[in-house]
Amino acid sequence: VNSLSTAPTSISGTTTICNGNSTTLTLNGGSAGTGANARWYSGSCGGTLVGTGSSITVSPTTNTTYFVR
């Protein structure tokens, strides 16, 4: 039996970082269903793919908004 995904309740990570530094963004709560994998984007939901999985490390050089689905 395949299980359905449950949406995460939040994302943790440092909200403000200086140019040249990095932070790890991590999904909290929820669960991935059978065969599901979180996909992280920058710019817009479905914009530029920046990683997959329950967490990613980012090092933006400008103000950047990240989305996960």
PDB file of N, CA and C in Angstrom:
ATOM      1  N   VAL A   1       0.849  -1.177   0.000  1.00  0.00           N
ATOM      2  CA  VAL A   1       0.000   0.000   0.000  1.00  0.00           C
ATOM      3  C   VAL A   1       0.893   1.238   0.000  1.00  0.00           C
ATOM      4  N   ASN A   2       0.641   2.161  -0.897  1.00  0.00           N
ATOM      5  CA  ASN A   2       1.382   3.409  -0.957  1.00  0.00           C
ATOM      6  C   ASN A   2       0.842   4.392   0.066  1.00  0.00           C
ATOM      7  N   SER A   3       1.738   5.135   0.710  1.00  0.00           N
ATOM      8  CA  SER A   3       1.307   6.156   1.666  1.00  0.00           C
ATOM      9  C   SER A   3       1.376   7.529   1.012  1.00  0.00           C
ATOM     10  N   LEU A   4       0.505   8.442   1.446  1.00  0.00           N
ATOM     11  CA  LEU A   4       0.469   9.812   0.934  1.00  0.00           C
ATOM     12  C   LEU A   4       1.418  10.685   1.745  1.00  0.00           C
ATOM     13  N   SER A   5       1.892  11.764   1.139  1.00  0.00           N
ATOM     14  CA  SER A   5       2.738  12.724   1.845  1.00  0.00           C
ATOM     15  C   SER A   5       1.895  13.576   2.770  1.00  0.00           C
ATOM     16  N   THR A   6       2.505  14.008   3.871  1.00  0.00           N
ATOM     17  CA  THR A   6       1.906  14.967   4.792  1.00  0.00           C
ATOM     18  C   THR A   6       2.795  16.198   4.791  1.00  0.00           C
ATOM     19  N   ALA A   7       2.220  17.372   4.617  1.00  0.00           N
ATOM     20  CA  ALA A   7       2.995  18.614   4.514  1.00  0.00           C
ATOM     21  C   ALA A   7       3.797  18.881   5.781  1.00  0.00           C
ATOM     22  N   PRO A   8       5.023  19.402   5.633  1.00  0.00           N
ATOM     23  CA  PRO A   8       5.806  19.787   6.810  1.00  0.00           C
ATOM     24  C   PRO A   8       5.116  20.928   7.536  1.00  0.00           C
ATOM     25  N   THR A   9       5.395  21.062   8.821  1.00  0.00           N
ATOM     26  CA  THR A   9       4.772  22.127   9.612  1.00  0.00           C
ATOM     27  C   THR A   9       5.602  23.402   9.608  1.00  0.00           C
ATOM     28  N   SER A  10       6.914  23.279   9.320  1.00  0.00           N
ATOM     29  CA  SER A  10       7.774  24.466   9.272  1.00  0.00           C
ATOM     30  C   SER A  10       9.094  24.118   8.611  1.00  0.00           C
ATOM     31  N   ILE A  11       9.888  25.152   8.365  1.00  0.00           N
ATOM     32  CA  ILE A  11      11.246  25.003   7.855  1.00  0.00           C
ATOM     33  C   ILE A  11      12.150  25.765   8.806  1.00  0.00           C
ATOM     34  N   SER A  12      13.239  25.138   9.233  1.00  0.00           N
ATOM     35  CA  SER A  12      14.176  25.825  10.120  1.00  0.00           C
ATOM     36  C   SER A  12      15.459  26.149   9.377  1.00  0.00           C
ATOM     37  N   GLY A  13      16.115  27.188   9.834  1.00  0.00           N
ATOM     38  CA  GLY A  13      17.374  27.647   9.261  1.00  0.00           C
ATOM     39  C   GLY A  13      17.582  29.084   9.669  1.00  0.00           C
ATOM     40  N   THR A  14      18.782  29.578   9.531  1.00  0.00           N
ATOM     41  CA  THR A  14      19.063  30.968   9.849  1.00  0.00           C
ATOM     42  C   THR A  14      18.374  31.847   8.821  1.00  0.00           C
ATOM     43  N   THR A  15      17.569  32.809   9.272  1.00  0.00           N
ATOM     44  CA  THR A  15      16.795  33.617   8.341  1.00  0.00           C
ATOM     45  C   THR A  15      17.594  34.754   7.725  1.00  0.00           C
ATOM     46  N   THR A  16      18.647  35.202   8.393  1.00  0.00           N
ATOM     47  CA  THR A  16      19.498  36.263   7.857  1.00  0.00           C
ATOM     48  C   THR A  16      20.945  35.810   7.943  1.00  0.00           C
ATOM     49  N   ILE A  17      21.622  35.781   6.811  1.00  0.00           N
ATOM     50  CA  ILE A  17      23.035  35.418   6.795  1.00  0.00           C
ATOM     51  C   ILE A  17      23.796  36.456   5.981  1.00  0.00           C
ATOM     52  N   CYS A  18      25.069  36.597   6.242  1.00  0.00           N
ATOM     53  CA  CYS A  18      25.908  37.534   5.503  1.00  0.00           C
ATOM     54  C   CYS A  18      26.420  36.875   4.227  1.00  0.00           C
ATOM     55  N   ASN A  19      26.675  37.703   3.208  1.00  0.00           N
ATOM     56  CA  ASN A  19      27.214  37.222   1.938  1.00  0.00           C
ATOM     57  C   ASN A  19      28.463  36.383   2.191  1.00  0.00           C
ATOM     58  N   GLY A  20      28.523  35.226   1.587  1.00  0.00           N
ATOM     59  CA  GLY A  20      29.659  34.331   1.757  1.00  0.00           C
ATOM     60  C   GLY A  20      29.443  33.266   2.812  1.00  0.00           C
ATOM     61  N   ASN A  21      28.412  33.409   3.647  1.00  0.00           N
ATOM     62  CA  ASN A  21      28.099  32.404   4.660  1.00  0.00           C
ATOM     63  C   ASN A  21      27.005  31.482   4.144  1.00  0.00           C
ATOM     64  N   SER A  22      26.763  30.401   4.868  1.00  0.00           N
ATOM     65  CA  SER A  22      25.743  29.445   4.460  1.00  0.00           C
ATOM     66  C   SER A  22      24.847  29.097   5.637  1.00  0.00           C
ATOM     67  N   THR A  23      23.719  28.485   5.323  1.00  0.00           N
ATOM     68  CA  THR A  23      22.815  27.953   6.332  1.00  0.00           C
ATOM     69  C   THR A  23      22.184  26.678   5.783  1.00  0.00           C
ATOM     70  N   THR A  24      21.768  25.817   6.678  1.00  0.00           N
ATOM     71  CA  THR A  24      21.056  24.608   6.278  1.00  0.00           C
ATOM     72  C   THR A  24      19.573  24.820   6.530  1.00  0.00           C
ATOM     73  N   LEU A  25      18.765  24.626   5.511  1.00  0.00           N
ATOM     74  CA  LEU A  25      17.312  24.702   5.615  1.00  0.00           C
ATOM     75  C   LEU A  25      16.793  23.279   5.784  1.00  0.00           C
ATOM     76  N   THR A  26      15.965  23.060   6.820  1.00  0.00           N
ATOM     77  CA  THR A  26      15.505  21.715   7.149  1.00  0.00           C
ATOM     78  C   THR A  26      13.995  21.690   7.324  1.00  0.00           C
ATOM     79  N   LEU A  27      13.339  20.698   6.730  1.00  0.00           N
ATOM     80  CA  LEU A  27      11.900  20.504   6.916  1.00  0.00           C
ATOM     81  C   LEU A  27      11.643  19.948   8.308  1.00  0.00           C
ATOM     82  N   ASN A  28      10.607  20.448   8.971  1.00  0.00           N
ATOM     83  CA  ASN A  28      10.204  19.949  10.282  1.00  0.00           C
ATOM     84  C   ASN A  28       8.776  19.436  10.192  1.00  0.00           C
ATOM     85  N   GLY A  29       8.539  18.273  10.776  1.00  0.00           N
ATOM     86  CA  GLY A  29       7.198  17.684  10.774  1.00  0.00           C
ATOM     87  C   GLY A  29       6.865  17.127   9.393  1.00  0.00           C
ATOM     88  N   GLY A  30       5.682  16.593   9.271  1.00  0.00           N
ATOM     89  CA  GLY A  30       5.243  16.015   8.014  1.00  0.00           C
ATOM     90  C   GLY A  30       5.990  14.733   7.690  1.00  0.00           C
ATOM     91  N   SER A  31       5.668  14.149   6.561  1.00  0.00           N
ATOM     92  CA  SER A  31       6.353  12.944   6.115  1.00  0.00           C
ATOM     93  C   SER A  31       6.211  12.808   4.608  1.00  0.00           C
ATOM     94  N   ALA A  32       7.234  12.238   3.993  1.00  0.00           N
ATOM     95  CA  ALA A  32       7.198  11.986   2.558  1.00  0.00           C
ATOM     96  C   ALA A  32       6.464  10.678   2.307  1.00  0.00           C
ATOM     97  N   GLY A  33       5.561  10.685   1.379  1.00  0.00           N
ATOM     98  CA  GLY A  33       4.832   9.480   1.024  1.00  0.00           C
ATOM     99  C   GLY A  33       5.701   8.542   0.209  1.00  0.00           C
ATOM    100  N   THR A  34       5.144   7.446  -0.184  1.00  0.00           N
ATOM    101  CA  THR A  34       5.859   6.438  -0.953  1.00  0.00           C
ATOM    102  C   THR A  34       6.448   7.051  -2.224  1.00  0.00           C
ATOM    103  N   GLY A  35       7.760   6.973  -2.364  1.00  0.00           N
ATOM    104  CA  GLY A  35       8.446   7.469  -3.556  1.00  0.00           C
ATOM    105  C   GLY A  35       8.576   8.981  -3.642  1.00  0.00           C
ATOM    106  N   ALA A  36       8.126   9.711  -2.623  1.00  0.00           N
ATOM    107  CA  ALA A  36       8.171  11.174  -2.657  1.00  0.00           C
ATOM    108  C   ALA A  36       9.529  11.688  -2.192  1.00  0.00           C
ATOM    109  N   ASN A  37       9.918  12.843  -2.702  1.00  0.00           N
ATOM    110  CA  ASN A  37      11.156  13.488  -2.324  1.00  0.00           C
ATOM    111  C   ASN A  37      10.943  15.000  -2.400  1.00  0.00           C
ATOM    112  N   ALA A  38      11.294  15.714  -1.342  1.00  0.00           N
ATOM    113  CA  ALA A  38      11.142  17.167  -1.337  1.00  0.00           C
ATOM    114  C   ALA A  38      12.055  17.785  -2.380  1.00  0.00           C
ATOM    115  N   ARG A  39      11.553  18.779  -3.097  1.00  0.00           N
ATOM    116  CA  ARG A  39      12.329  19.508  -4.104  1.00  0.00           C
ATOM    117  C   ARG A  39      12.335  20.981  -3.706  1.00  0.00           C
ATOM    118  N   TRP A  40      13.527  21.539  -3.583  1.00  0.00           N
ATOM    119  CA  TRP A  40      13.720  22.922  -3.149  1.00  0.00           C
ATOM    120  C   TRP A  40      13.983  23.819  -4.356  1.00  0.00           C
ATOM    121  N   TYR A  41      13.341  25.004  -4.342  1.00  0.00           N
ATOM    122  CA  TYR A  41      13.467  25.960  -5.442  1.00  0.00           C
ATOM    123  C   TYR A  41      13.815  27.338  -4.894  1.00  0.00           C
ATOM    124  N   SER A  42      14.441  28.158  -5.728  1.00  0.00           N
ATOM    125  CA  SER A  42      14.650  29.563  -5.379  1.00  0.00           C
ATOM    126  C   SER A  42      13.887  30.422  -6.366  1.00  0.00           C
ATOM    127  N   GLY A  43      13.524  31.619  -5.918  1.00  0.00           N
ATOM    128  CA  GLY A  43      12.846  32.574  -6.798  1.00  0.00           C
ATOM    129  C   GLY A  43      11.350  32.433  -6.830  1.00  0.00           C
ATOM    130  N   SER A  44      10.852  31.215  -7.011  1.00  0.00           N
ATOM    131  CA  SER A  44       9.411  30.954  -7.007  1.00  0.00           C
ATOM    132  C   SER A  44       9.212  29.459  -6.845  1.00  0.00           C
ATOM    133  N   CYS A  45       8.010  29.060  -6.477  1.00  0.00           N
ATOM    134  CA  CYS A  45       7.712  27.644  -6.354  1.00  0.00           C
ATOM    135  C   CYS A  45       7.700  27.060  -7.765  1.00  0.00           C
ATOM    136  N   GLY A  46       8.636  26.196  -8.068  1.00  0.00           N
ATOM    137  CA  GLY A  46       8.790  25.676  -9.413  1.00  0.00           C
ATOM    138  C   GLY A  46       9.796  26.483 -10.219  1.00  0.00           C
ATOM    139  N   GLY A  47      10.505  27.421  -9.560  1.00  0.00           N
ATOM    140  CA  GLY A  47      11.518  28.247 -10.217  1.00  0.00           C
ATOM    141  C   GLY A  47      12.783  27.442 -10.476  1.00  0.00           C
ATOM    142  N   THR A  48      13.903  27.905  -9.956  1.00  0.00           N
ATOM    143  CA  THR A  48      15.184  27.238 -10.154  1.00  0.00           C
ATOM    144  C   THR A  48      15.378  26.156  -9.102  1.00  0.00           C
ATOM    145  N   LEU A  49      15.523  24.906  -9.520  1.00  0.00           N
ATOM    146  CA  LEU A  49      15.742  23.794  -8.595  1.00  0.00           C
ATOM    147  C   LEU A  49      17.120  23.953  -7.959  1.00  0.00           C
ATOM    148  N   VAL A  50      17.173  23.948  -6.615  1.00  0.00           N
ATOM    149  CA  VAL A  50      18.448  24.104  -5.905  1.00  0.00           C
ATOM    150  C   VAL A  50      18.826  22.878  -5.084  1.00  0.00           C
ATOM    151  N   GLY A  51      17.946  21.898  -4.978  1.00  0.00           N
ATOM    152  CA  GLY A  51      18.278  20.694  -4.234  1.00  0.00           C
ATOM    153  C   GLY A  51      17.072  19.833  -3.968  1.00  0.00           C
ATOM    154  N   THR A  52      17.330  18.640  -3.438  1.00  0.00           N
ATOM    155  CA  THR A  52      16.262  17.710  -3.081  1.00  0.00           C
ATOM    156  C   THR A  52      16.565  17.114  -1.718  1.00  0.00           C
ATOM    157  N   GLY A  53      15.548  16.573  -1.083  1.00  0.00           N
ATOM    158  CA  GLY A  53      15.701  15.927   0.212  1.00  0.00           C
ATOM    159  C   GLY A  53      15.123  16.756   1.337  1.00  0.00           C
ATOM    160  N   SER A  54      15.254  16.254   2.562  1.00  0.00           N
ATOM    161  CA  SER A  54      14.623  16.923   3.711  1.00  0.00           C
ATOM    162  C   SER A  54      15.402  18.138   4.198  1.00  0.00           C
ATOM    163  N   SER A  55      16.645  18.328   3.719  1.00  0.00           N
ATOM    164  CA  SER A  55      17.393  19.540   4.065  1.00  0.00           C
ATOM    165  C   SER A  55      18.383  19.859   2.957  1.00  0.00           C
ATOM    166  N   ILE A  56      18.717  21.150   2.845  1.00  0.00           N
ATOM    167  CA  ILE A  56      19.720  21.595   1.881  1.00  0.00           C
ATOM    168  C   ILE A  56      20.562  22.669   2.547  1.00  0.00           C
ATOM    169  N   THR A  57      21.778  22.823   2.083  1.00  0.00           N
ATOM    170  CA  THR A  57      22.637  23.909   2.539  1.00  0.00           C
ATOM    171  C   THR A  57      22.734  24.922   1.410  1.00  0.00           C
ATOM    172  N   VAL A  58      22.484  26.188   1.743  1.00  0.00           N
ATOM    173  CA  VAL A  58      22.491  27.245   0.738  1.00  0.00           C
ATOM    174  C   VAL A  58      23.474  28.338   1.136  1.00  0.00           C
ATOM    175  N   SER A  59      24.024  29.001   0.127  1.00  0.00           N
ATOM    176  CA  SER A  59      24.945  30.124   0.318  1.00  0.00           C
ATOM    177  C   SER A  59      24.566  31.237  -0.654  1.00  0.00           C
ATOM    178  N   PRO A  60      23.444  31.909  -0.409  1.00  0.00           N
ATOM    179  CA  PRO A  60      22.993  32.933  -1.353  1.00  0.00           C
ATOM    180  C   PRO A  60      23.915  34.158  -1.338  1.00  0.00           C
ATOM    181  N   THR A  61      24.012  34.831  -2.472  1.00  0.00           N
ATOM    182  CA  THR A  61      24.812  36.049  -2.566  1.00  0.00           C
ATOM    183  C   THR A  61      23.945  37.301  -2.622  1.00  0.00           C
ATOM    184  N   THR A  62      22.617  37.119  -2.743  1.00  0.00           N
ATOM    185  CA  THR A  62      21.652  38.211  -2.703  1.00  0.00           C
ATOM    186  C   THR A  62      20.445  37.735  -1.894  1.00  0.00           C
ATOM    187  N   ASN A  63      19.523  38.649  -1.591  1.00  0.00           N
ATOM    188  CA  ASN A  63      18.292  38.242  -0.905  1.00  0.00           C
ATOM    189  C   ASN A  63      17.609  37.173  -1.748  1.00  0.00           C
ATOM    190  N   THR A  64      17.311  36.038  -1.150  1.00  0.00           N
ATOM    191  CA  THR A  64      16.738  34.906  -1.865  1.00  0.00           C
ATOM    192  C   THR A  64      15.632  34.278  -1.035  1.00  0.00           C
ATOM    193  N   THR A  65      14.527  33.941  -1.682  1.00  0.00           N
ATOM    194  CA  THR A  65      13.433  33.234  -1.047  1.00  0.00           C
ATOM    195  C   THR A  65      13.446  31.802  -1.574  1.00  0.00           C
ATOM    196  N   TYR A  66      13.332  30.841  -0.646  1.00  0.00           N
ATOM    197  CA  TYR A  66      13.332  29.430  -1.023  1.00  0.00           C
ATOM    198  C   TYR A  66      11.964  28.834  -0.799  1.00  0.00           C
ATOM    199  N   PHE A  67      11.605  27.906  -1.670  1.00  0.00           N
ATOM    200  CA  PHE A  67      10.322  27.208  -1.629  1.00  0.00           C
ATOM    201  C   PHE A  67      10.600  25.727  -1.682  1.00  0.00           C
ATOM    202  N   VAL A  68       9.739  24.944  -1.066  1.00  0.00           N
ATOM    203  CA  VAL A  68       9.884  23.485  -1.132  1.00  0.00           C
ATOM    204  C   VAL A  68       8.523  22.883  -1.445  1.00  0.00           C
ATOM    205  N   ARG A  69       8.542  21.822  -2.266  1.00  0.00           N
ATOM    206  CA  ARG A  69       7.305  21.114  -2.562  1.00  0.00           C
ATOM    207  C   ARG A  69       7.580  19.650  -2.762  1.00  0.00           C
TER     208      ARG A  69
END
